[in-house]
Every structure is written in structure tokens, then in C-alpha cells.
Amino acid sequence: MTLRLEATLMADELIREIRRVRHAISRRYNHDVHRVVAYYRQFQDELKSSGSYRFFAKAPEPHQAIRDVRF
């Protein structure tokens, strides 16, 4: 087995696992988009408050960035 094929198979397995977990989370909230998003936001807030992870600041809205450009 080539290294490239092995890396592809590992990536495929990782993607399958991510999809399995995401589907399990969605199923837990009866596939209700609002409840699923609320879960992810709460989870994100917990990660942020733990201090163990770094998050990037939200990028400015495109219209905001354009408005701030001076000629």
C-alpha cells in the first residue's frame, strides 16, 4: 500500500467518524436545527471559558471592511 493511499484511507476513516458524531448529536436533539446550534454554541462557550483553547476573533462583515477603507 502506498503512503498516499494509506493517508487517503485514514482521512476517509476520520471523516466517517466526524460524520457519525455529528449525526449522533443531531439525533440527540431530534434533528432540530435550532437546538443543535444552541448545543454547539454552548459547547463553544464552555471551551472558551476553559482557557485551554484559543479562538480567533470574528472577521468583520464585508460591508464593514469596505466602509473602513480610506482613499
C-alpha atoms as a PDB file:
ATOM      1  CA  MET A   1       0.000   0.000   0.000  1.00  0.00           C
ATOM      2  CA  THR A   2       1.404   3.368  -0.945  1.00  0.00           C
ATOM      3  CA  LEU A   3       1.781   6.136   1.561  1.00  0.00           C
ATOM      4  CA  ARG A   4      -0.662   8.304  -0.366  1.00  0.00           C
ATOM      5  CA  LEU A   5      -3.334   5.584  -0.399  1.00  0.00           C
ATOM      6  CA  GLU A   6      -2.808   4.946   3.305  1.00  0.00           C
ATOM      7  CA  ALA A   7      -3.202   8.673   4.079  1.00  0.00           C
ATOM      8  CA  THR A   8      -6.375   8.797   1.980  1.00  0.00           C
ATOM      9  CA  LEU A   9      -7.851   5.801   3.808  1.00  0.00           C
ATOM     10  CA  MET A  10      -7.017   7.362   7.185  1.00  0.00           C
ATOM     11  CA  ALA A  11      -8.624  10.650   6.111  1.00  0.00           C
ATOM     12  CA  ASP A  12     -11.728   8.783   4.926  1.00  0.00           C
ATOM     13  CA  GLU A  13     -11.991   6.991   8.264  1.00  0.00           C
ATOM     14  CA  LEU A  14     -11.614  10.287  10.127  1.00  0.00           C
ATOM     15  CA  ILE A  15     -14.355  11.887   8.033  1.00  0.00           C
ATOM     16  CA  ARG A  16     -16.656   8.917   8.701  1.00  0.00           C
ATOM     17  CA  GLU A  17     -16.073   9.275  12.450  1.00  0.00           C
ATOM     18  CA  ILE A  18     -16.744  13.024  12.369  1.00  0.00           C
ATOM     19  CA  ARG A  19     -19.979  12.443  10.463  1.00  0.00           C
ATOM     20  CA  ARG A  20     -21.011   9.696  12.899  1.00  0.00           C
ATOM     21  CA  VAL A  21     -20.526  12.017  15.887  1.00  0.00           C
ATOM     22  CA  ARG A  22     -22.287  14.933  14.179  1.00  0.00           C
ATOM     23  CA  HIS A  23     -25.250  12.710  13.321  1.00  0.00           C
ATOM     24  CA  ALA A  24     -25.419  11.401  16.905  1.00  0.00           C
ATOM     25  CA  ILE A  25     -25.508  14.984  18.217  1.00  0.00           C
ATOM     26  CA  SER A  26     -28.214  15.904  15.708  1.00  0.00           C
ATOM     27  CA  ARG A  27     -30.244  12.815  16.628  1.00  0.00           C
ATOM     28  CA  ARG A  28     -29.956  13.702  20.335  1.00  0.00           C
ATOM     29  CA  TYR A  29     -31.773  16.971  19.570  1.00  0.00           C
ATOM     30  CA  ASN A  30     -34.301  15.319  17.239  1.00  0.00           C
ATOM     31  CA  HIS A  31     -32.600  16.949  14.220  1.00  0.00           C
ATOM     32  CA  ASP A  32     -33.936  20.358  15.324  1.00  0.00           C
ATOM     33  CA  VAL A  33     -31.529  22.868  13.774  1.00  0.00           C
ATOM     34  CA  HIS A  34     -32.129  25.499  16.459  1.00  0.00           C
ATOM     35  CA  ARG A  35     -31.452  23.075  19.297  1.00  0.00           C
ATOM     36  CA  VAL A  36     -28.366  21.654  17.579  1.00  0.00           C
ATOM     37  CA  VAL A  37     -26.916  25.142  17.013  1.00  0.00           C
ATOM     38  CA  ALA A  38     -27.697  26.059  20.625  1.00  0.00           C
ATOM     39  CA  TYR A  39     -25.772  22.954  21.736  1.00  0.00           C
ATOM     40  CA  TYR A  40     -22.747  23.853  19.596  1.00  0.00           C
ATOM     41  CA  ARG A  41     -22.767  27.448  20.869  1.00  0.00           C
ATOM     42  CA  GLN A  42     -22.933  26.302  24.485  1.00  0.00           C
ATOM     43  CA  PHE A  43     -20.136  23.809  23.832  1.00  0.00           C
ATOM     44  CA  GLN A  44     -18.041  26.567  22.231  1.00  0.00           C
ATOM     45  CA  ASP A  45     -18.634  28.859  25.223  1.00  0.00           C
ATOM     46  CA  GLU A  46     -17.504  26.081  27.566  1.00  0.00           C
ATOM     47  CA  LEU A  47     -14.334  25.565  25.534  1.00  0.00           C
ATOM     48  CA  LYS A  48     -13.636  29.305  25.525  1.00  0.00           C
ATOM     49  CA  SER A  49     -14.155  29.651  29.275  1.00  0.00           C
ATOM     50  CA  SER A  50     -11.902  26.671  29.993  1.00  0.00           C
ATOM     51  CA  GLY A  51      -8.898  28.685  28.815  1.00  0.00           C
ATOM     52  CA  SER A  52      -7.454  25.571  27.182  1.00  0.00           C
ATOM     53  CA  TYR A  53      -8.220  26.676  23.637  1.00  0.00           C
ATOM     54  CA  ARG A  54      -7.644  29.809  21.575  1.00  0.00           C
ATOM     55  CA  PHE A  55     -10.320  31.232  19.299  1.00  0.00           C
ATOM     56  CA  PHE A  56      -9.931  33.759  16.517  1.00  0.00           C
ATOM     57  CA  ALA A  57     -11.935  36.951  16.655  1.00  0.00           C
ATOM     58  CA  LYS A  58     -14.819  37.094  14.227  1.00  0.00           C
ATOM     59  CA  ALA A  59     -13.873  38.687  10.915  1.00  0.00           C
ATOM     60  CA  PRO A  60     -15.591  41.989  10.147  1.00  0.00           C
ATOM     61  CA  GLU A  61     -18.591  41.905   7.879  1.00  0.00           C
ATOM     62  CA  PRO A  62     -17.611  42.633   4.256  1.00  0.00           C
ATOM     63  CA  HIS A  63     -19.552  45.899   4.169  1.00  0.00           C
ATOM     64  CA  GLN A  64     -17.775  46.996   7.363  1.00  0.00           C
ATOM     65  CA  ALA A  65     -14.333  46.312   5.903  1.00  0.00           C
ATOM     66  CA  ILE A  66     -15.180  48.199   2.720  1.00  0.00           C
ATOM     67  CA  ARG A  67     -16.538  51.172   4.657  1.00  0.00           C
ATOM     68  CA  ASP A  68     -13.333  51.424   6.703  1.00  0.00           C
ATOM     69  CA  VAL A  69     -11.129  51.727   3.611  1.00  0.00           C
ATOM     70  CA  ARG A  70      -9.900  55.274   3.096  1.00  0.00           C
ATOM     71  CA  PHE A  71      -8.752  56.599  -0.265  1.00  0.00           C
END
